[in-house]
Every structure is written in structure tokens, then in C-alpha cells.
N, C-alpha and C. Protein backbone atom coordinates (compact mmCIF):
# COMPACT_ATOMS: atom_id res chain seq x y z
N UNK A 1 -23.10 22.77 2.31
CA UNK A 1 -21.96 23.26 2.41
C UNK A 1 -21.06 22.91 1.08
N UNK A 2 -20.52 23.95 0.54
CA UNK A 2 -19.77 23.58 -0.56
C UNK A 2 -18.35 22.75 -0.46
N UNK A 3 -17.76 22.00 -1.26
CA UNK A 3 -16.86 21.20 -1.11
C UNK A 3 -15.39 21.92 -1.37
N UNK A 4 -14.62 21.55 -1.00
CA UNK A 4 -13.16 22.14 -0.52
C UNK A 4 -12.16 21.39 -1.67
N UNK A 5 -13.01 20.69 -2.34
CA UNK A 5 -12.03 19.75 -3.28
C UNK A 5 -11.46 20.89 -4.58
N UNK A 6 -10.29 21.18 -4.66
CA UNK A 6 -9.82 21.99 -5.71
C UNK A 6 -9.76 21.18 -7.02
N UNK A 7 -9.78 19.94 -7.34
CA UNK A 7 -9.71 19.15 -8.65
C UNK A 7 -11.04 19.49 -9.44
N UNK A 8 -10.92 19.39 -10.66
CA UNK A 8 -12.20 19.30 -11.40
C UNK A 8 -13.02 18.48 -11.39
N UNK A 9 -14.12 18.29 -11.56
CA UNK A 9 -15.18 17.17 -11.44
C UNK A 9 -14.82 16.23 -12.60
N UNK A 10 -14.30 16.56 -13.65
CA UNK A 10 -13.89 15.88 -15.04
C UNK A 10 -12.88 15.10 -14.75
N UNK A 11 -11.97 15.40 -14.02
CA UNK A 11 -10.80 15.02 -14.12
C UNK A 11 -10.59 13.59 -13.07
N UNK A 12 -11.36 13.97 -11.93
CA UNK A 12 -11.32 12.62 -10.75
C UNK A 12 -11.45 11.61 -11.36
N UNK A 13 -12.52 11.10 -12.28
CA UNK A 13 -12.78 9.69 -12.45
C UNK A 13 -11.49 9.46 -13.42
N UNK A 14 -10.76 10.35 -14.39
CA UNK A 14 -9.49 9.96 -15.18
C UNK A 14 -8.60 9.74 -14.32
N UNK A 15 -8.10 10.27 -13.21
CA UNK A 15 -7.30 9.86 -12.22
C UNK A 15 -7.99 8.52 -11.68
N UNK A 16 -8.92 8.46 -11.18
CA UNK A 16 -9.05 6.98 -10.52
C UNK A 16 -8.83 6.09 -11.37
N UNK A 17 -9.18 6.23 -12.69
CA UNK A 17 -9.25 4.82 -13.66
C UNK A 17 -7.63 4.74 -13.87
N UNK A 18 -6.91 5.58 -14.00
CA UNK A 18 -5.52 5.53 -14.29
C UNK A 18 -4.79 5.07 -13.20
N UNK A 19 -5.28 5.42 -11.74
CA UNK A 19 -4.81 4.57 -10.40
C UNK A 19 -5.24 3.21 -10.78
N UNK A 20 -6.41 2.78 -10.81
CA UNK A 20 -6.79 1.54 -10.66
C UNK A 20 -5.86 0.73 -11.85
N UNK A 21 -6.15 0.92 -12.96
CA UNK A 21 -5.32 0.36 -14.13
C UNK A 21 -3.63 0.31 -13.74
N UNK A 22 -3.39 1.19 -13.22
CA UNK A 22 -1.74 1.14 -12.89
C UNK A 22 -1.57 0.07 -12.01
N UNK A 23 -2.58 0.07 -10.78
CA UNK A 23 -2.45 -0.83 -9.91
C UNK A 23 -2.66 -2.35 -10.48
N UNK A 24 -3.53 -2.41 -11.13
CA UNK A 24 -3.81 -3.86 -12.02
C UNK A 24 -2.57 -4.37 -12.50
N UNK A 25 -1.70 -3.41 -13.57
CA UNK A 25 -0.65 -3.61 -14.31
C UNK A 25 0.39 -3.96 -13.14
N UNK A 26 0.46 -3.01 -12.27
CA UNK A 26 1.69 -3.47 -11.28
C UNK A 26 1.41 -4.92 -10.67
N UNK A 27 0.11 -5.44 -10.25
CA UNK A 27 0.09 -6.76 -9.79
C UNK A 27 0.30 -7.60 -10.92
N UNK A 28 -0.16 -7.47 -12.17
CA UNK A 28 0.36 -8.25 -13.21
C UNK A 28 1.76 -8.53 -13.32
N UNK A 29 2.55 -7.58 -13.31
CA UNK A 29 3.74 -7.66 -13.31
C UNK A 29 4.55 -8.07 -12.19
N UNK A 30 4.19 -7.97 -11.21
CA UNK A 30 4.61 -8.38 -9.83
C UNK A 30 4.58 -10.05 -9.76
N UNK A 31 3.25 -10.59 -10.22
CA UNK A 31 3.32 -11.96 -10.29
C UNK A 31 4.04 -12.32 -11.29
N UNK A 32 4.03 -11.75 -12.55
CA UNK A 32 4.97 -12.51 -13.36
C UNK A 32 6.32 -12.65 -13.24
N UNK A 33 6.83 -11.34 -12.28
CA UNK A 33 8.17 -11.43 -11.83
C UNK A 33 8.49 -12.51 -10.94
N UNK A 34 7.41 -12.75 -10.17
CA UNK A 34 7.78 -13.75 -9.23
C UNK A 34 7.57 -14.99 -9.63
N UNK A 35 6.80 -15.54 -10.53
CA UNK A 35 6.73 -16.79 -11.37
C UNK A 35 8.19 -17.08 -12.09
N UNK A 36 8.42 -15.95 -12.74
CA UNK A 36 9.77 -16.24 -13.52
C UNK A 36 10.95 -16.25 -12.95
N UNK A 37 11.34 -15.57 -11.77
CA UNK A 37 12.36 -15.42 -10.87
C UNK A 37 12.48 -16.78 -10.31
N UNK A 38 11.20 -17.66 -9.86
CA UNK A 38 11.18 -18.60 -9.01
C UNK A 38 11.49 -19.69 -10.22
N UNK A 39 11.26 -19.44 -11.30
CA UNK A 39 11.48 -20.52 -12.29
C UNK A 39 12.84 -20.54 -12.92
N UNK A 40 13.48 -19.26 -13.03
CA UNK A 40 14.77 -19.21 -13.51
C UNK A 40 15.69 -19.49 -12.49
N UNK A 41 15.14 -19.16 -11.10
CA UNK A 41 16.36 -19.33 -10.05
C UNK A 41 16.99 -20.71 -9.85
N UNK A 42 16.03 -21.63 -10.31
CA UNK A 42 16.77 -22.95 -10.54
C UNK A 42 17.66 -23.26 -11.12
N UNK A 43 17.90 -22.40 -12.38
CA UNK A 43 19.08 -22.53 -13.37
C UNK A 43 20.24 -21.51 -12.58
N UNK A 44 19.96 -21.19 -11.50
CA UNK A 44 20.79 -19.88 -10.77
C UNK A 44 20.98 -18.64 -11.79
N UNK A 45 19.90 -18.20 -12.32
CA UNK A 45 19.70 -16.94 -12.94
C UNK A 45 19.78 -15.82 -12.01
N UNK A 46 19.95 -14.71 -12.68
CA UNK A 46 19.64 -13.60 -11.89
C UNK A 46 18.19 -12.84 -12.07
N UNK A 47 17.96 -12.00 -10.99
CA UNK A 47 16.76 -11.26 -11.11
C UNK A 47 16.88 -10.49 -12.39
N UNK A 48 17.92 -9.61 -12.59
CA UNK A 48 17.95 -8.94 -13.96
C UNK A 48 17.57 -10.05 -15.20
N UNK A 49 17.92 -11.09 -15.46
CA UNK A 49 17.65 -12.03 -16.19
C UNK A 49 15.76 -12.22 -16.18
N UNK A 50 15.56 -12.42 -15.10
CA UNK A 50 14.02 -12.62 -15.04
C UNK A 50 13.21 -11.42 -15.26
N UNK A 51 13.86 -10.15 -15.11
CA UNK A 51 13.18 -8.67 -15.26
C UNK A 51 13.06 -8.68 -16.77
N UNK A 52 14.34 -9.07 -17.38
CA UNK A 52 14.57 -8.81 -18.95
C UNK A 52 13.51 -9.82 -19.67
N UNK A 53 13.34 -10.80 -19.23
CA UNK A 53 12.74 -11.70 -19.71
C UNK A 53 10.82 -11.42 -19.78
N UNK A 54 10.45 -10.59 -18.65
CA UNK A 54 9.26 -10.65 -18.37
C UNK A 54 8.47 -9.10 -19.23
N UNK A 55 9.67 -8.27 -19.28
CA UNK A 55 9.29 -6.66 -19.51
C UNK A 55 9.49 -6.99 -21.10
N UNK A 56 8.54 -7.49 -21.80
CA UNK A 56 8.16 -7.35 -23.43
C UNK A 56 7.00 -6.67 -23.89
N UNK A 57 7.02 -6.42 -25.09
CA UNK A 57 5.97 -5.68 -25.82
C UNK A 57 4.62 -6.67 -25.65
N UNK A 58 4.54 -7.91 -25.94
CA UNK A 58 3.41 -8.74 -25.65
C UNK A 58 2.76 -8.60 -24.45
N UNK A 59 3.79 -8.64 -23.31
CA UNK A 59 3.41 -8.41 -21.74
C UNK A 59 2.50 -7.33 -21.84
N UNK A 60 3.34 -6.23 -22.12
CA UNK A 60 2.73 -4.97 -21.82
C UNK A 60 1.08 -4.98 -22.26
N UNK A 61 1.01 -5.50 -23.63
CA UNK A 61 -0.18 -5.53 -24.09
C UNK A 61 -1.14 -6.10 -23.41
N UNK A 62 -0.80 -7.22 -22.81
CA UNK A 62 -1.86 -8.28 -22.26
C UNK A 62 -2.06 -7.47 -21.12
N UNK A 63 -1.10 -6.95 -20.46
CA UNK A 63 -1.06 -6.05 -19.06
C UNK A 63 -2.22 -4.72 -19.37
N UNK A 64 -1.68 -4.08 -20.23
CA UNK A 64 -2.97 -3.02 -20.86
C UNK A 64 -4.31 -3.49 -20.77
N UNK A 65 -4.68 -4.57 -21.56
CA UNK A 65 -5.63 -5.20 -21.76
C UNK A 65 -6.58 -5.71 -20.58
N UNK A 66 -5.73 -6.51 -19.68
CA UNK A 66 -6.17 -6.93 -18.39
C UNK A 66 -6.45 -5.79 -17.57
N UNK A 67 -5.50 -4.69 -17.54
CA UNK A 67 -6.00 -3.63 -16.57
C UNK A 67 -7.54 -3.22 -17.11
N UNK A 68 -7.48 -2.79 -18.11
CA UNK A 68 -8.92 -2.19 -18.52
C UNK A 68 -10.04 -2.97 -18.21
N UNK A 69 -9.61 -4.31 -18.46
CA UNK A 69 -10.73 -5.36 -18.51
C UNK A 69 -11.33 -5.17 -16.67
N UNK A 70 -10.21 -5.33 -15.96
CA UNK A 70 -10.54 -4.93 -14.59
C UNK A 70 -11.04 -3.91 -14.11
N UNK A 71 -10.83 -2.94 -14.55
CA UNK A 71 -11.21 -1.55 -14.06
C UNK A 71 -12.81 -1.73 -14.73
N UNK A 72 -12.75 -2.06 -15.86
CA UNK A 72 -14.40 -2.17 -16.27
C UNK A 72 -15.33 -3.04 -15.35
N UNK A 73 -14.86 -3.93 -14.89
CA UNK A 73 -15.83 -4.91 -13.76
C UNK A 73 -15.47 -4.43 -12.57
N UNK A 74 -14.86 -3.72 -12.10
CA UNK A 74 -14.55 -3.17 -10.62
C UNK A 74 -15.77 -1.98 -10.86
N UNK A 75 -15.50 -1.01 -12.02
CA UNK A 75 -16.70 0.00 -11.97
C UNK A 75 -18.19 -0.53 -12.14
N UNK A 76 -18.61 -1.76 -12.77
CA UNK A 76 -19.60 -2.26 -12.82
C UNK A 76 -19.93 -2.81 -11.79
N UNK A 77 -19.25 -3.57 -10.98
CA UNK A 77 -19.68 -3.89 -9.51
C UNK A 77 -19.78 -2.63 -8.67
N UNK A 78 -18.90 -1.64 -8.79
CA UNK A 78 -19.20 -0.62 -7.90
C UNK A 78 -20.59 0.24 -8.01
N UNK A 79 -21.17 0.34 -9.38
CA UNK A 79 -22.25 0.66 -9.68
C UNK A 79 -23.53 -0.13 -9.27
N UNK A 80 -23.21 -1.33 -9.19
CA UNK A 80 -24.41 -2.31 -8.93
C UNK A 80 -24.53 -2.60 -7.41
N UNK A 81 -23.42 -2.29 -6.83
CA UNK A 81 -23.36 -2.51 -5.00
C UNK A 81 -23.75 -1.61 -4.35
């Protein structure tokens, strides 16, 4: 029975990788924001101040590296299990 999927077989893994890495980056930044906001909220700083503090080039590089490492681990475990 032929598949009714209209996406190319080559693009599906790329989209899955982008979604998984993006989700890991989202979790990274949400964790940073929660920690930074609660830390800075003691000084009555605003949420905007906390967001400006976490969205830096260094944090972006860390998020991208962590996202790809996490994706690699998930793919490894997906193939092993």
C-alpha cells in the first residue's frame, strides 16, 4: 500500500532534527529565564531585564551545541532501543 505522505524522504529527517534541536534550545532558554528571573527578582528587577541578561551570543552558542549533542544522544538511543 503506497504511502500518502507528500514530503520527500530526504527532508523528513532534517525537519525532525530541526524540531528536536529547537525544542532542546527552547528548554535551555526557558530554564535560564526561570533561574535568572527568580535571581534578579529579589532585587525587584523586571522580566525584560532578565531576558536581556540571558539572550547573549555565548548562551546561543551553548544552546546550539547542547541542542546538537542532545539530538545525537536521542538518535543514538532511538536506534539502540
